Protein backbone atom coordinates (compact mmCIF):
# COMPACT_ATOMS: atom_id res chain seq x y z
CA UNK A 1 -79.49 45.83 -114.41
CA UNK A 2 -79.91 46.54 -110.81
CA UNK A 3 -83.16 45.25 -109.46
CA UNK A 4 -83.99 48.27 -107.37
CA UNK A 5 -83.57 51.19 -109.75
CA UNK A 6 -83.50 49.43 -113.19
CA UNK A 7 -80.29 51.24 -114.20
CA UNK A 8 -77.71 49.19 -116.11
CA UNK A 9 -74.73 47.75 -114.28
CA UNK A 10 -71.42 49.48 -114.92
CA UNK A 11 -69.40 47.87 -117.75
CA UNK A 12 -66.82 46.50 -115.29
CA UNK A 13 -69.52 44.61 -113.35
CA UNK A 14 -70.98 43.12 -116.55
CA UNK A 15 -67.56 41.85 -117.65
CA UNK A 16 -67.06 40.05 -114.36
CA UNK A 17 -70.10 37.88 -115.08
CA UNK A 18 -69.05 36.98 -118.64
CA UNK A 19 -66.17 34.61 -117.70
CA UNK A 20 -68.36 32.83 -115.16
CA UNK A 21 -71.07 32.33 -117.77
CA UNK A 22 -68.57 31.18 -120.39
CA UNK A 23 -67.00 28.73 -117.93
CA UNK A 24 -70.42 27.33 -117.07
CA UNK A 25 -71.20 26.74 -120.75
CA UNK A 26 -67.79 25.23 -121.56
CA UNK A 27 -67.58 23.10 -118.42
CA UNK A 28 -70.88 21.34 -118.96
CA UNK A 29 -70.17 17.64 -118.65
CA UNK A 30 -70.33 15.60 -121.84
CA UNK A 31 -72.90 12.85 -121.93
CA UNK A 32 -72.05 9.18 -122.27
CA UNK A 33 -74.29 7.29 -124.63
CA UNK A 34 -75.38 3.67 -124.51
CA UNK A 35 -74.89 2.76 -128.17
CA UNK A 36 -75.44 -0.99 -127.81
CA UNK A 37 -76.62 -3.43 -125.19
CA UNK A 38 -74.57 -6.52 -124.42
CA UNK A 39 -77.15 -8.65 -126.25
CA UNK A 40 -76.93 -6.44 -129.35
CA UNK A 41 -73.13 -6.55 -129.35
CA UNK A 42 -73.21 -10.35 -129.02
CA UNK A 43 -75.67 -10.65 -131.92
CA UNK A 44 -73.52 -8.41 -134.14
CA UNK A 45 -70.34 -10.35 -133.40
CA UNK A 46 -71.82 -13.87 -133.28
CA UNK A 47 -75.21 -13.92 -135.03
CA UNK A 48 -77.63 -16.73 -134.06
CA UNK A 49 -75.26 -18.12 -131.42
CA UNK A 50 -76.02 -19.13 -127.85
CA UNK A 51 -73.80 -17.87 -125.05
CA UNK A 52 -72.69 -19.67 -121.90
CA UNK A 53 -71.51 -17.41 -119.07
CA UNK A 54 -68.09 -18.53 -117.87
CA UNK A 55 -67.01 -17.56 -114.38
CA UNK A 56 -63.34 -16.75 -114.84
CA UNK A 57 -61.23 -15.18 -112.10
CA UNK A 58 -57.61 -14.14 -112.65
CA UNK A 59 -54.90 -15.11 -110.18
CA UNK A 60 -52.19 -12.68 -109.05
CA UNK A 61 -49.66 -14.37 -111.35
CA UNK A 62 -52.02 -14.15 -114.32
CA UNK A 63 -52.65 -10.46 -113.67
CA UNK A 64 -48.90 -9.80 -113.59
CA UNK A 65 -48.42 -11.77 -116.82
CA UNK A 66 -51.18 -9.83 -118.59
CA UNK A 67 -49.87 -6.47 -117.38
CA UNK A 68 -46.36 -7.31 -118.64
CA UNK A 69 -47.56 -8.63 -122.01
CA UNK A 70 -50.34 -6.21 -122.96
CA UNK A 71 -48.67 -2.77 -122.95
CA UNK A 72 -48.82 -2.57 -119.17
CA UNK A 73 -52.62 -2.54 -119.41
CA UNK A 74 -54.34 -2.07 -116.08
CA UNK A 75 -56.52 -4.88 -114.80
CA UNK A 76 -59.61 -3.39 -113.17
CA UNK A 77 -61.09 -6.54 -111.73
CA UNK A 78 -60.24 -10.18 -111.21
CA UNK A 79 -63.53 -11.48 -112.57
CA UNK A 80 -63.51 -11.47 -116.36
CA UNK A 81 -66.94 -11.13 -118.02
CA UNK A 82 -66.63 -13.77 -120.76
CA UNK A 83 -69.06 -16.05 -122.54
CA UNK A 84 -68.36 -19.22 -124.51
CA UNK A 85 -70.06 -19.07 -127.90
CA UNK A 86 -72.00 -22.09 -129.21
CA UNK A 87 -70.76 -21.53 -132.77
CA UNK A 88 -67.15 -21.40 -131.56
CA UNK A 89 -65.18 -18.64 -129.91
CA UNK A 90 -65.42 -16.31 -126.96
CA UNK A 91 -67.20 -13.05 -126.22
CA UNK A 92 -65.54 -10.64 -123.75
CA UNK A 93 -67.01 -7.54 -122.14
CA UNK A 94 -64.52 -5.03 -120.74
CA UNK A 95 -63.86 -1.37 -120.02
CA UNK A 96 -60.99 1.04 -120.51
CA UNK A 97 -60.36 4.67 -119.69
CA UNK A 98 -60.90 7.08 -122.56
CA UNK A 99 -59.75 10.67 -122.44
CA UNK A 100 -62.62 11.90 -120.28
CA UNK A 101 -64.71 8.81 -119.65
CA UNK A 102 -64.87 5.06 -119.29
CA UNK A 103 -65.44 3.15 -122.52
CA UNK A 104 -67.39 -0.10 -122.33
CA UNK A 105 -66.59 -2.41 -125.22
CA UNK A 106 -66.80 -6.02 -126.34
CA UNK A 107 -64.36 -8.26 -128.17
CA UNK A 108 -65.28 -11.45 -129.97
CA UNK A 109 -62.46 -13.94 -130.47
CA UNK A 110 -62.59 -17.11 -132.54
CA UNK A 111 -61.33 -20.42 -131.14
CA UNK A 112 -57.77 -19.58 -132.23
CA UNK A 113 -57.82 -16.22 -130.43
CA UNK A 114 -58.13 -14.04 -133.54
CA UNK A 115 -60.39 -11.00 -133.22
CA UNK A 116 -63.74 -11.59 -134.88
CA UNK A 117 -65.21 -8.24 -133.89
CA UNK A 118 -64.98 -5.26 -131.54
CA UNK A 119 -67.96 -3.14 -130.55
CA UNK A 120 -68.13 0.01 -128.41
CA UNK A 121 -71.21 -0.18 -126.20
CA UNK A 122 -70.83 2.98 -124.10
CA UNK A 123 -68.71 6.10 -124.58
CA UNK A 124 -69.03 9.85 -124.67
CA UNK A 125 -70.90 11.03 -127.73
CA UNK A 126 -68.04 13.33 -128.71
CA UNK A 127 -65.73 10.30 -129.04
CA UNK A 128 -68.00 8.19 -131.21
CA UNK A 129 -65.31 8.10 -133.94
CA UNK A 130 -64.01 4.99 -132.18
CA UNK A 131 -67.32 3.30 -133.09
CA UNK A 132 -67.00 3.85 -136.85
CA UNK A 133 -67.05 0.53 -138.76
CA UNK A 134 -64.07 1.49 -140.94
CA UNK A 135 -61.90 1.87 -137.82
CA UNK A 136 -63.34 -0.99 -135.74
CA UNK A 137 -62.94 -3.41 -138.67
CA UNK A 138 -59.15 -2.97 -138.53
CA UNK A 139 -59.12 -5.13 -135.36
CA UNK A 140 -60.54 -8.15 -137.22
CA UNK A 141 -57.92 -10.86 -137.65
CA UNK A 142 -55.53 -9.50 -135.01
CA UNK A 143 -54.10 -12.25 -132.86
CA UNK A 144 -51.46 -12.70 -130.15
CA UNK A 145 -48.35 -13.99 -131.82
CA UNK A 146 -49.71 -12.79 -135.16
CA UNK A 147 -50.98 -9.40 -136.29
CA UNK A 148 -50.82 -6.99 -133.35
CA UNK A 149 -53.59 -4.37 -133.04
CA UNK A 150 -50.92 -1.81 -132.05
CA UNK A 151 -49.39 -2.27 -135.51
CA UNK A 152 -52.56 -2.53 -137.59
CA UNK A 153 -55.04 -0.17 -135.95
CA UNK A 154 -54.14 3.53 -136.26
CA UNK A 155 -54.66 6.03 -133.48
CA UNK A 156 -57.40 8.47 -134.50
CA UNK A 157 -56.52 12.16 -134.50
CA UNK A 158 -58.92 14.10 -132.28
CA UNK A 159 -59.65 11.07 -130.11
CA UNK A 160 -56.09 9.86 -129.78
CA UNK A 161 -56.19 8.92 -126.09
CA UNK A 162 -59.51 7.08 -126.35
CA UNK A 163 -58.47 5.19 -129.48
CA UNK A 164 -55.03 4.34 -128.04
CA UNK A 165 -56.54 3.06 -124.81
CA UNK A 166 -59.06 0.94 -126.70
CA UNK A 167 -56.25 -0.59 -128.77
CA UNK A 168 -54.35 -1.40 -125.56
CA UNK A 169 -57.50 -2.83 -123.98
CA UNK A 170 -58.13 -5.16 -126.93
CA UNK A 171 -54.53 -6.36 -126.51
CA UNK A 172 -55.33 -6.99 -122.83
CA UNK A 173 -58.38 -9.08 -123.77
CA UNK A 174 -56.23 -11.10 -126.15
CA UNK A 175 -53.74 -11.72 -123.31
CA UNK A 176 -56.59 -12.80 -120.99
CA UNK A 177 -57.72 -15.24 -123.68
CA UNK A 178 -54.19 -16.65 -123.86
CA UNK A 179 -54.25 -17.17 -120.07
CA UNK A 180 -57.63 -18.92 -120.35
CA UNK A 181 -56.31 -21.27 -123.03
CA UNK A 182 -53.17 -21.99 -120.98
CA UNK A 183 -55.47 -22.88 -118.09
CA UNK A 184 -57.58 -24.99 -120.46
CA UNK A 185 -60.86 -23.25 -119.65
CA UNK A 186 -63.63 -24.81 -121.72
């Protein structure tokens, strides 16, 4: 309606506003959710363990090795957030690009480098299928030189890019662990 005379707008004018309104509703940004804290993820993966923060920086050669051997996974930073676990193993915190967001996740590896657990800490709520225990549990037991996550863990229909990128990122963490072992980090 026009403000001055309270007569309805012509049909053509009303239709011009509809696409703008529809676009505003559809284009609303999705919200990322913090599903777990780092402490909660550590407790799930390694209950009752103590964690020692390890300062681990990748060299240029190590970055190139990881990129070649982990599905060309991008390395976002040289400093690797990793903790040594008192009960044995390693706890990694990392991120990967989902379809529309950045996924923050953790990977627990035993002393031999086999995946003990994967947890998604932060992702868009619409992609929370990658947090489901029945999917996440498929990573357990994967190991470099053994069972490859790319072979065992299926890509999820509807969140294919996010699930594929998380699979690649877990492979990257496994490659970082291999570099740490080669360097004899303890």
